[in-house]
């Protein structure tokens, strides 16, 4: 499987897990990241979770991290996938 395919698969898994945790999630895998951020900003999404090459390259799944971007401040922070549901709440 290509790295991009791995990222899409992982992103969909994370979206499913966050939904199971009771969060409202919209998966967007189209276009480049800047366009995705702009679309989500327009609809008022407070947090965007991004899976990138660093996420895939990390040593083991329990240590995988994603980037969380805050709409209002545009601040970005790396967060463990395991901690993501609690972090977003």
N, C-alpha and C. Protein backbone atom coordinates (compact mmCIF):
# COMPACT_ATOMS: atom_id res chain seq x y z
N UNK A 1 0.84 -1.19 0.00
CA UNK A 1 0.00 0.00 0.00
C UNK A 1 0.89 1.24 0.00
N UNK A 2 0.53 2.21 -0.79
CA UNK A 2 1.27 3.48 -0.86
C UNK A 2 1.07 4.27 0.44
N UNK A 3 2.01 5.16 0.72
CA UNK A 3 1.93 5.98 1.93
C UNK A 3 0.65 6.81 1.96
N UNK A 4 0.25 7.39 0.81
CA UNK A 4 -0.97 8.19 0.76
C UNK A 4 -2.20 7.33 1.05
N UNK A 5 -2.21 6.09 0.56
CA UNK A 5 -3.30 5.17 0.85
C UNK A 5 -3.33 4.84 2.34
N UNK A 6 -2.16 4.67 2.94
CA UNK A 6 -2.09 4.42 4.38
C UNK A 6 -2.65 5.60 5.17
N UNK A 7 -2.34 6.81 4.72
CA UNK A 7 -2.86 8.00 5.40
C UNK A 7 -4.38 8.07 5.30
N UNK A 8 -4.93 7.79 4.13
CA UNK A 8 -6.39 7.83 3.95
C UNK A 8 -7.06 6.77 4.81
N UNK A 9 -6.50 5.58 4.83
CA UNK A 9 -7.06 4.50 5.65
C UNK A 9 -7.03 4.87 7.12
N UNK A 10 -5.90 5.39 7.59
CA UNK A 10 -5.78 5.79 8.99
C UNK A 10 -6.74 6.93 9.31
N UNK A 11 -6.87 7.89 8.40
CA UNK A 11 -7.78 9.03 8.62
C UNK A 11 -9.22 8.55 8.77
N UNK A 12 -9.63 7.62 7.93
CA UNK A 12 -10.99 7.09 8.02
C UNK A 12 -11.20 6.31 9.31
N UNK A 13 -10.19 5.57 9.75
CA UNK A 13 -10.27 4.84 11.01
C UNK A 13 -10.41 5.81 12.18
N UNK A 14 -9.61 6.86 12.17
CA UNK A 14 -9.67 7.87 13.24
C UNK A 14 -11.05 8.53 13.24
N UNK A 15 -11.58 8.87 12.07
CA UNK A 15 -12.90 9.49 11.98
C UNK A 15 -13.96 8.57 12.57
N UNK A 16 -13.89 7.29 12.24
CA UNK A 16 -14.84 6.31 12.79
C UNK A 16 -14.73 6.23 14.30
N UNK A 17 -13.50 6.17 14.81
CA UNK A 17 -13.29 6.08 16.26
C UNK A 17 -13.80 7.33 16.98
N UNK A 18 -13.60 8.50 16.39
CA UNK A 18 -14.09 9.74 17.01
C UNK A 18 -15.62 9.78 17.01
N UNK A 19 -16.23 9.28 15.93
CA UNK A 19 -17.70 9.19 15.91
C UNK A 19 -18.21 8.27 17.01
N UNK A 20 -17.54 7.13 17.17
CA UNK A 20 -17.91 6.18 18.24
C UNK A 20 -17.77 6.82 19.62
N UNK A 21 -16.85 7.78 19.73
CA UNK A 21 -16.65 8.49 21.00
C UNK A 21 -17.68 9.60 21.19
N UNK A 22 -18.61 9.74 20.24
CA UNK A 22 -19.69 10.71 20.37
C UNK A 22 -19.42 12.07 19.77
N UNK A 23 -18.38 12.20 18.98
CA UNK A 23 -18.04 13.49 18.37
C UNK A 23 -18.61 13.56 16.95
N UNK A 24 -18.95 14.74 16.51
CA UNK A 24 -19.43 14.96 15.15
C UNK A 24 -18.20 15.19 14.26
N UNK A 25 -18.07 14.35 13.25
CA UNK A 25 -16.86 14.36 12.42
C UNK A 25 -17.24 14.46 10.95
N UNK A 26 -16.47 15.24 10.20
CA UNK A 26 -16.59 15.28 8.74
C UNK A 26 -15.24 14.90 8.17
N UNK A 27 -15.20 13.85 7.39
CA UNK A 27 -13.96 13.43 6.73
C UNK A 27 -13.86 14.15 5.39
N UNK A 28 -12.71 14.75 5.12
CA UNK A 28 -12.49 15.43 3.85
C UNK A 28 -11.13 15.00 3.32
N UNK A 29 -11.13 14.24 2.26
CA UNK A 29 -9.88 13.76 1.69
C UNK A 29 -9.58 14.34 0.32
N UNK A 30 -10.28 15.42 -0.05
CA UNK A 30 -10.10 15.95 -1.40
C UNK A 30 -9.28 17.24 -1.40
N UNK A 31 -8.51 17.43 -2.46
CA UNK A 31 -7.73 18.65 -2.60
C UNK A 31 -6.53 18.71 -1.66
N UNK A 32 -5.83 19.84 -1.70
CA UNK A 32 -4.67 19.99 -0.83
C UNK A 32 -5.09 20.48 0.56
N UNK A 33 -4.20 20.44 1.49
CA UNK A 33 -4.53 20.74 2.88
C UNK A 33 -5.01 22.19 3.06
N UNK A 34 -4.45 23.12 2.33
CA UNK A 34 -4.88 24.51 2.43
C UNK A 34 -6.34 24.68 2.03
N UNK A 35 -6.72 24.01 0.95
CA UNK A 35 -8.12 24.08 0.51
C UNK A 35 -9.04 23.40 1.51
N UNK A 36 -8.59 22.31 2.08
CA UNK A 36 -9.40 21.62 3.11
C UNK A 36 -9.61 22.52 4.31
N UNK A 37 -8.55 23.17 4.77
CA UNK A 37 -8.67 24.08 5.91
C UNK A 37 -9.64 25.21 5.60
N UNK A 38 -9.53 25.78 4.41
CA UNK A 38 -10.44 26.88 4.03
C UNK A 38 -11.89 26.44 4.01
N UNK A 39 -12.16 25.26 3.45
CA UNK A 39 -13.54 24.75 3.43
C UNK A 39 -14.07 24.57 4.84
N UNK A 40 -13.25 24.02 5.71
CA UNK A 40 -13.69 23.78 7.08
C UNK A 40 -13.84 25.09 7.85
N UNK A 41 -12.97 26.05 7.59
CA UNK A 41 -13.10 27.37 8.21
C UNK A 41 -14.43 28.02 7.81
N UNK A 42 -14.79 27.88 6.55
CA UNK A 42 -16.03 28.49 6.04
C UNK A 42 -17.28 27.94 6.73
N UNK A 43 -17.27 26.65 7.05
CA UNK A 43 -18.45 26.06 7.69
C UNK A 43 -18.37 26.11 9.21
N UNK A 44 -17.27 26.63 9.75
CA UNK A 44 -17.17 26.84 11.19
C UNK A 44 -16.64 25.67 11.99
N UNK A 45 -15.92 24.76 11.36
CA UNK A 45 -15.33 23.62 12.08
C UNK A 45 -14.27 24.13 13.05
N UNK A 46 -14.44 23.88 14.37
CA UNK A 46 -13.49 24.44 15.33
C UNK A 46 -12.11 23.77 15.32
N UNK A 47 -12.04 22.47 14.99
CA UNK A 47 -10.77 21.75 14.98
C UNK A 47 -10.65 20.96 13.70
N UNK A 48 -9.46 20.95 13.13
CA UNK A 48 -9.16 20.08 12.00
C UNK A 48 -8.05 19.14 12.45
N UNK A 49 -8.21 17.86 12.15
CA UNK A 49 -7.22 16.85 12.48
C UNK A 49 -6.57 16.42 11.18
N UNK A 50 -5.25 16.50 11.13
CA UNK A 50 -4.52 16.19 9.91
C UNK A 50 -3.57 15.02 10.13
N UNK A 51 -3.67 14.05 9.23
CA UNK A 51 -2.73 12.93 9.20
C UNK A 51 -1.71 13.28 8.14
N UNK A 52 -0.43 13.17 8.48
CA UNK A 52 0.62 13.52 7.53
C UNK A 52 1.67 12.42 7.49
N UNK A 53 2.74 12.67 6.75
CA UNK A 53 3.79 11.66 6.63
C UNK A 53 4.44 11.35 7.97
N UNK A 54 4.53 12.33 8.86
CA UNK A 54 5.09 12.07 10.19
C UNK A 54 4.23 11.07 10.95
N UNK A 55 2.93 11.17 10.81
CA UNK A 55 2.02 10.23 11.47
C UNK A 55 2.32 8.81 11.03
N UNK A 56 2.45 8.61 9.75
CA UNK A 56 2.68 7.28 9.19
C UNK A 56 4.08 6.76 9.52
N UNK A 57 5.07 7.64 9.55
CA UNK A 57 6.46 7.23 9.77
C UNK A 57 6.81 6.94 11.22
N UNK A 58 5.96 7.32 12.16
CA UNK A 58 6.28 7.11 13.57
C UNK A 58 6.39 5.61 13.87
N UNK A 59 7.23 5.30 14.84
CA UNK A 59 7.67 3.93 15.09
C UNK A 59 6.55 2.90 15.28
N UNK A 60 5.60 3.17 16.14
CA UNK A 60 4.57 2.17 16.37
C UNK A 60 3.21 2.84 16.55
N UNK A 61 2.13 2.13 16.22
CA UNK A 61 0.80 2.75 16.22
C UNK A 61 0.38 3.40 17.53
N UNK A 62 0.81 2.86 18.65
CA UNK A 62 0.39 3.47 19.91
C UNK A 62 1.02 4.83 20.16
N UNK A 63 2.03 5.18 19.36
CA UNK A 63 2.68 6.49 19.51
C UNK A 63 2.38 7.44 18.35
N UNK A 64 1.51 7.02 17.45
CA UNK A 64 1.18 7.88 16.31
C UNK A 64 0.55 9.18 16.80
N UNK A 65 0.94 10.26 16.17
CA UNK A 65 0.36 11.57 16.50
C UNK A 65 -0.21 12.19 15.24
N UNK A 66 -1.14 13.09 15.43
CA UNK A 66 -1.75 13.85 14.34
C UNK A 66 -1.59 15.33 14.66
N UNK A 67 -1.82 16.17 13.68
CA UNK A 67 -1.82 17.61 13.92
C UNK A 67 -3.25 18.08 14.13
N UNK A 68 -3.49 18.79 15.22
CA UNK A 68 -4.79 19.40 15.46
C UNK A 68 -4.62 20.90 15.22
N UNK A 69 -5.47 21.45 14.35
CA UNK A 69 -5.43 22.87 14.01
C UNK A 69 -6.69 23.54 14.55
N UNK A 70 -6.50 24.63 15.28
CA UNK A 70 -7.61 25.39 15.85
C UNK A 70 -8.02 26.47 14.86
N UNK A 71 -9.29 26.53 14.52
CA UNK A 71 -9.80 27.50 13.55
C UNK A 71 -9.55 28.94 13.98
N UNK A 72 -9.86 29.28 15.23
CA UNK A 72 -9.83 30.67 15.66
C UNK A 72 -8.42 31.25 15.75
N UNK A 73 -7.47 30.46 16.22
CA UNK A 73 -6.10 30.96 16.38
C UNK A 73 -5.16 30.46 15.28
N UNK A 74 -5.59 29.45 14.55
CA UNK A 74 -4.78 28.76 13.55
C UNK A 74 -3.56 28.08 14.16
N UNK A 75 -3.53 27.98 15.48
CA UNK A 75 -2.47 27.27 16.19
C UNK A 75 -2.56 25.78 15.84
N UNK A 76 -1.39 25.16 15.70
CA UNK A 76 -1.33 23.73 15.41
C UNK A 76 -0.54 23.03 16.50
N UNK A 77 -1.01 21.84 16.84
CA UNK A 77 -0.37 21.09 17.92
C UNK A 77 -0.41 19.60 17.58
N UNK A 78 0.67 18.89 17.89
CA UNK A 78 0.71 17.43 17.70
C UNK A 78 0.06 16.77 18.92
N UNK A 79 -0.81 15.80 18.64
CA UNK A 79 -1.56 15.12 19.69
C UNK A 79 -1.54 13.62 19.38
N UNK A 80 -1.40 12.80 20.40
CA UNK A 80 -1.45 11.36 20.24
C UNK A 80 -2.85 10.94 19.79
N UNK A 81 -2.92 10.02 18.85
CA UNK A 81 -4.21 9.52 18.38
C UNK A 81 -5.02 8.95 19.53
N UNK A 82 -4.36 8.28 20.44
CA UNK A 82 -5.04 7.67 21.59
C UNK A 82 -5.71 8.74 22.44
N UNK A 83 -5.08 9.90 22.58
CA UNK A 83 -5.62 10.98 23.42
C UNK A 83 -6.59 11.91 22.70
N UNK A 84 -6.75 11.71 21.40
CA UNK A 84 -7.51 12.65 20.58
C UNK A 84 -8.96 12.88 21.03
N UNK A 85 -9.75 11.85 21.33
CA UNK A 85 -11.13 12.11 21.75
C UNK A 85 -11.23 13.01 22.99
N UNK A 86 -10.40 12.76 23.98
CA UNK A 86 -10.42 13.57 25.19
C UNK A 86 -9.88 14.97 24.91
N UNK A 87 -8.93 15.07 24.04
CA UNK A 87 -8.31 16.35 23.71
C UNK A 87 -9.30 17.29 23.04
N UNK A 88 -10.08 16.76 22.12
CA UNK A 88 -11.02 17.57 21.36
C UNK A 88 -12.22 18.01 22.21
N UNK A 89 -12.61 17.20 23.14
CA UNK A 89 -13.78 17.55 23.96
C UNK A 89 -13.48 18.79 24.69
